[in-house]
């Protein structure tokens, strides 16, 4: 951790997101992005590999810039992809920032200061970043595959009151661009966006619920009462407050 630099410059909570808004400008300044509080900033924090669809980022960069959005890439991996991303950054100064390597404190500042996460993947057994992201009030855009599909409720007309992010189907640049454009459109509706942030931040990914399902399955197979296998009471998660430490 860099001396004197907090992980999050302005703490915030699910009940008071003003600190999150104040985290954006310092991040934009740090990464060399235009200091524009109204521009949706999209994070990509991942290994730079084809599995994570990092090779697609150069194809969507122009669309992000044309949308009036910004892209912050943090990761390392395939050297050819790293070089292509550096070229993309040079092509769109102030709109796209690339940081090769991984630093946990920087990742925290990126999650706190950005509005969305792009988490595409060809396949994904689980994935953790999209769950971290939601705790930060940053809305994920994910491909409907594996653990990404299991943890993000896509914004659609019939689920907009439950949505915690945006989901796309095909592992292609156009499909990802379409999802990002839908997310940017929602970002420009502050009331709907704030409601989605609240739902995302309140998601519970603890083991209690899946454990109860496993117990129900085992109880059924064993012909026993599920109450006989019930787990001990688990305390509720603490109220979310992202601190500057």
Protein backbone atom coordinates (compact mmCIF):
# COMPACT_ATOMS: atom_id res chain seq x y z
CA UNK A 1 0.00 0.00 0.00
CA UNK A 2 1.34 3.43 -0.93
CA UNK A 3 2.15 5.46 2.19
CA UNK A 4 -0.50 8.01 3.00
CA UNK A 5 -2.96 6.76 0.36
CA UNK A 6 -6.16 5.18 1.73
CA UNK A 7 -7.80 2.24 0.03
CA UNK A 8 -10.97 4.29 -0.39
CA UNK A 9 -10.67 8.10 -0.23
CA UNK A 10 -14.26 8.70 0.86
CA UNK A 11 -16.11 6.07 2.94
CA UNK A 12 -19.75 5.34 2.16
CA UNK A 13 -22.57 2.95 2.96
CA UNK A 14 -25.69 1.51 1.37
CA UNK A 15 -27.70 4.21 3.15
CA UNK A 16 -25.43 7.07 2.11
CA UNK A 17 -23.70 6.82 -1.27
CA UNK A 18 -22.42 10.39 -1.32
CA UNK A 19 -18.92 9.12 -0.55
CA UNK A 20 -19.00 6.89 -3.63
CA UNK A 21 -19.76 9.88 -5.85
CA UNK A 22 -16.80 11.69 -4.29
CA UNK A 23 -14.51 8.73 -5.03
CA UNK A 24 -14.92 9.15 -8.80
CA UNK A 25 -12.96 12.36 -9.44
CA UNK A 26 -9.86 11.27 -7.45
CA UNK A 27 -9.84 8.00 -9.39
CA UNK A 28 -10.19 9.76 -12.74
CA UNK A 29 -7.29 12.04 -11.79
CA UNK A 30 -5.18 9.09 -10.65
CA UNK A 31 -5.73 7.14 -13.87
CA UNK A 32 -5.47 10.09 -16.25
CA UNK A 33 -9.12 10.03 -17.23
CA UNK A 34 -11.08 13.21 -17.87
CA UNK A 35 -12.49 14.52 -14.60
CA UNK A 36 -16.13 14.22 -15.61
CA UNK A 37 -18.54 13.28 -12.80
CA UNK A 38 -21.35 12.69 -15.30
CA UNK A 39 -19.45 10.17 -17.43
CA UNK A 40 -20.23 6.53 -16.61
CA UNK A 41 -16.92 4.88 -15.72
CA UNK A 42 -16.61 1.16 -16.48
CA UNK A 43 -14.07 -1.02 -14.70
CA UNK A 44 -12.45 -4.18 -16.04
CA UNK A 45 -10.45 -5.93 -13.30
CA UNK A 46 -9.29 -9.36 -14.35
CA UNK A 47 -6.61 -11.54 -15.84
CA UNK A 48 -5.97 -10.40 -19.39
CA UNK A 49 -6.76 -13.64 -21.16
CA UNK A 50 -9.09 -14.87 -23.88
CA UNK A 51 -11.08 -16.81 -21.27
CA UNK A 52 -11.93 -13.46 -19.65
CA UNK A 53 -12.60 -11.99 -23.12
CA UNK A 54 -9.86 -9.41 -22.59
CA UNK A 55 -9.07 -9.72 -26.31
CA UNK A 56 -12.51 -8.18 -26.98
CA UNK A 57 -11.75 -4.94 -25.10
CA UNK A 58 -9.95 -3.24 -28.01
CA UNK A 59 -13.02 -3.93 -30.16
CA UNK A 60 -15.40 -2.25 -27.70
CA UNK A 61 -13.13 0.68 -26.80
CA UNK A 62 -14.39 2.97 -29.59
CA UNK A 63 -18.03 2.25 -28.71
CA UNK A 64 -17.37 3.11 -25.05
CA UNK A 65 -15.71 6.38 -26.02
CA UNK A 66 -18.56 7.23 -28.43
CA UNK A 67 -21.06 6.51 -25.66
CA UNK A 68 -19.43 9.26 -23.58
CA UNK A 69 -18.25 6.65 -21.08
CA UNK A 70 -14.79 5.82 -19.76
CA UNK A 71 -12.99 2.52 -19.30
CA UNK A 72 -10.50 1.64 -16.55
CA UNK A 73 -8.62 -1.63 -17.13
CA UNK A 74 -6.57 -3.22 -14.34
CA UNK A 75 -4.93 -6.59 -14.84
CA UNK A 76 -2.13 -8.59 -16.38
CA UNK A 77 -1.80 -11.68 -18.51
CA UNK A 78 -1.27 -12.33 -22.19
CA UNK A 79 1.53 -10.02 -23.38
CA UNK A 80 -0.04 -9.43 -26.78
CA UNK A 81 -3.31 -8.37 -25.15
CA UNK A 82 -1.42 -6.07 -22.77
CA UNK A 83 0.28 -4.36 -25.71
CA UNK A 84 -2.97 -4.01 -27.63
CA UNK A 85 -4.58 -2.39 -24.61
CA UNK A 86 -1.69 0.06 -24.24
CA UNK A 87 -2.26 1.02 -27.88
CA UNK A 88 -5.97 1.48 -27.16
CA UNK A 89 -5.17 3.76 -24.23
CA UNK A 90 -2.95 5.90 -26.45
CA UNK A 91 -5.70 6.11 -29.04
CA UNK A 92 -8.30 7.36 -26.55
CA UNK A 93 -6.47 9.52 -23.99
CA UNK A 94 -8.69 10.67 -21.18
CA UNK A 95 -11.35 8.10 -22.05
CA UNK A 96 -9.51 4.79 -21.58
CA UNK A 97 -6.92 4.03 -18.89
CA UNK A 98 -4.89 0.82 -18.64
CA UNK A 99 -2.88 -0.30 -15.63
CA UNK A 100 -0.90 -3.47 -16.23
CA UNK A 101 -0.39 -5.51 -13.05
CA UNK A 102 -2.51 -6.03 -9.97
CA UNK A 103 -2.52 -4.00 -6.78
CA UNK A 104 -5.25 -4.71 -4.25
CA UNK A 105 -5.47 -1.16 -2.94
CA UNK A 106 -5.80 0.19 -6.49
CA UNK A 107 -8.49 -2.40 -7.21
CA UNK A 108 -10.44 -1.15 -4.20
CA UNK A 109 -10.17 2.45 -5.35
CA UNK A 110 -11.29 1.42 -8.84
CA UNK A 111 -14.32 -0.44 -7.50
CA UNK A 112 -15.23 2.49 -5.25
CA UNK A 113 -14.77 5.14 -7.94
CA UNK A 114 -16.35 3.44 -10.95
CA UNK A 115 -20.01 3.01 -11.81
CA UNK A 116 -20.00 -0.34 -13.59
CA UNK A 117 -17.96 -3.49 -14.01
CA UNK A 118 -17.51 -5.29 -17.32
CA UNK A 119 -17.11 -9.00 -16.53
CA UNK A 120 -17.34 -10.96 -19.78
CA UNK A 121 -16.07 -14.53 -19.97
CA UNK A 122 -16.10 -17.50 -22.32
CA UNK A 123 -16.64 -19.73 -19.27
CA UNK A 124 -16.66 -19.01 -15.56
CA UNK A 125 -17.03 -21.71 -12.88
CA UNK A 126 -17.69 -19.09 -10.22
CA UNK A 127 -16.13 -15.64 -10.34
CA UNK A 128 -15.73 -13.40 -7.32
CA UNK A 129 -15.18 -9.93 -8.75
CA UNK A 130 -18.83 -9.41 -9.67
CA UNK A 131 -19.80 -10.17 -6.06
CA UNK A 132 -17.18 -7.81 -4.64
CA UNK A 133 -18.34 -5.20 -7.14
CA UNK A 134 -21.93 -5.29 -5.97
CA UNK A 135 -20.84 -4.70 -2.38
CA UNK A 136 -19.15 -1.53 -3.63
CA UNK A 137 -22.37 -0.32 -5.29
CA UNK A 138 -20.78 -0.78 -8.72
CA UNK A 139 -23.14 -2.47 -11.16
CA UNK A 140 -21.83 -5.56 -13.03
CA UNK A 141 -22.34 -6.31 -16.69
CA UNK A 142 -21.71 -10.02 -17.18
CA UNK A 143 -22.09 -12.78 -19.70
CA UNK A 144 -24.79 -15.32 -18.86
CA UNK A 145 -22.46 -18.19 -18.06
CA UNK A 146 -21.52 -20.20 -14.96
CA UNK A 147 -21.21 -18.34 -11.69
CA UNK A 148 -21.71 -14.98 -13.39
CA UNK A 149 -25.24 -16.00 -14.36
CA UNK A 150 -25.84 -17.45 -10.88
CA UNK A 151 -24.95 -14.28 -8.99
CA UNK A 152 -26.22 -11.40 -11.16
CA UNK A 153 -29.91 -10.76 -11.85
CA UNK A 154 -30.13 -9.19 -15.29
CA UNK A 155 -32.08 -6.03 -15.96
CA UNK A 156 -35.04 -6.86 -18.15
CA UNK A 157 -38.52 -5.47 -18.34
CA UNK A 158 -39.99 -8.21 -16.16
CA UNK A 159 -37.16 -8.21 -13.59
CA UNK A 160 -36.20 -4.54 -13.35
CA UNK A 161 -37.47 -4.38 -9.76
CA UNK A 162 -35.11 -7.25 -8.84
CA UNK A 163 -32.15 -6.53 -11.12
CA UNK A 164 -28.64 -6.22 -9.75
CA UNK A 165 -26.83 -5.86 -13.08
CA UNK A 166 -26.90 -6.42 -16.83
CA UNK A 167 -26.49 -9.75 -18.61
CA UNK A 168 -25.68 -10.64 -22.20
CA UNK A 169 -25.71 -14.00 -23.97
CA UNK A 170 -23.23 -14.30 -26.84
CA UNK A 171 -19.45 -14.14 -26.24
CA UNK A 172 -19.02 -11.36 -28.79
CA UNK A 173 -18.03 -7.70 -28.83
CA UNK A 174 -21.44 -6.53 -30.17
CA UNK A 175 -23.29 -8.37 -27.38
CA UNK A 176 -21.06 -6.82 -24.73
CA UNK A 177 -21.42 -3.35 -26.30
CA UNK A 178 -25.20 -3.71 -26.31
CA UNK A 179 -25.21 -4.60 -22.60
CA UNK A 180 -22.91 -1.69 -21.77
CA UNK A 181 -25.11 0.71 -23.72
CA UNK A 182 -28.16 -0.54 -21.80
CA UNK A 183 -26.27 -0.03 -18.54
CA UNK A 184 -25.23 3.49 -19.55
CA UNK A 185 -28.83 4.32 -20.41
CA UNK A 186 -29.92 3.17 -16.96
CA UNK A 187 -27.07 5.11 -15.35
CA UNK A 188 -28.57 8.28 -16.77
CA UNK A 189 -31.80 7.59 -14.83
CA UNK A 190 -30.62 8.41 -11.28
CA UNK A 191 -33.62 7.03 -9.41
CA UNK A 192 -33.54 3.64 -11.17
CA UNK A 193 -29.75 3.49 -10.86
CA UNK A 194 -29.79 4.23 -7.14
CA UNK A 195 -32.40 1.51 -6.62
CA UNK A 196 -30.24 -1.02 -8.47
CA UNK A 197 -27.18 -0.02 -6.44
CA UNK A 198 -29.13 -0.56 -3.23
CA UNK A 199 -30.27 -4.03 -4.31
CA UNK A 200 -26.76 -4.96 -5.38
CA UNK A 201 -25.16 -3.79 -2.14
CA UNK A 202 -27.68 -5.78 -0.10
CA UNK A 203 -27.09 -9.09 -1.88
CA UNK A 204 -26.23 -11.90 0.52
CA UNK A 205 -23.66 -14.35 -0.83
CA UNK A 206 -22.99 -16.10 2.46
CA UNK A 207 -23.14 -19.89 2.62
CA UNK A 208 -26.33 -20.14 4.70
CA UNK A 209 -28.82 -20.29 1.83
CA UNK A 210 -26.96 -22.82 -0.34
CA UNK A 211 -26.18 -24.82 2.81
CA UNK A 212 -29.91 -25.02 3.56
CA UNK A 213 -30.56 -26.28 0.03
CA UNK A 214 -27.89 -28.94 0.39
CA UNK A 215 -29.39 -30.02 3.72
CA UNK A 216 -32.82 -30.27 2.14
CA UNK A 217 -31.40 -32.45 -0.61
CA UNK A 218 -29.52 -34.68 1.83
CA UNK A 219 -32.54 -34.94 4.13
CA UNK A 220 -34.71 -36.03 1.21
CA UNK A 221 -32.21 -38.65 0.12
CA UNK A 222 -31.83 -39.93 3.68
CA UNK A 223 -35.56 -39.87 4.38
CA UNK A 224 -35.04 -37.65 7.42
CA UNK A 225 -36.68 -34.48 8.64
CA UNK A 226 -34.79 -31.43 7.36
CA UNK A 227 -34.98 -29.86 10.85
CA UNK A 228 -32.73 -32.65 12.15
CA UNK A 229 -29.97 -31.38 9.88
CA UNK A 230 -30.59 -27.66 10.24
CA UNK A 231 -27.45 -25.54 10.63
CA UNK A 232 -26.85 -23.44 13.70
CA UNK A 233 -28.24 -19.93 13.58
CA UNK A 234 -25.95 -17.56 11.72
CA UNK A 235 -25.81 -13.91 12.63
CA UNK A 236 -26.91 -11.38 10.05
CA UNK A 237 -24.16 -9.65 8.05
CA UNK A 238 -23.05 -6.30 9.42
CA UNK A 239 -24.37 -3.16 7.76
CA UNK A 240 -22.16 -2.40 4.81
CA UNK A 241 -19.84 0.51 5.29
CA UNK A 242 -16.83 0.87 3.03
CA UNK A 243 -14.10 2.53 5.03
CA UNK A 244 -11.00 4.36 3.98
CA UNK A 245 -8.66 1.90 5.70
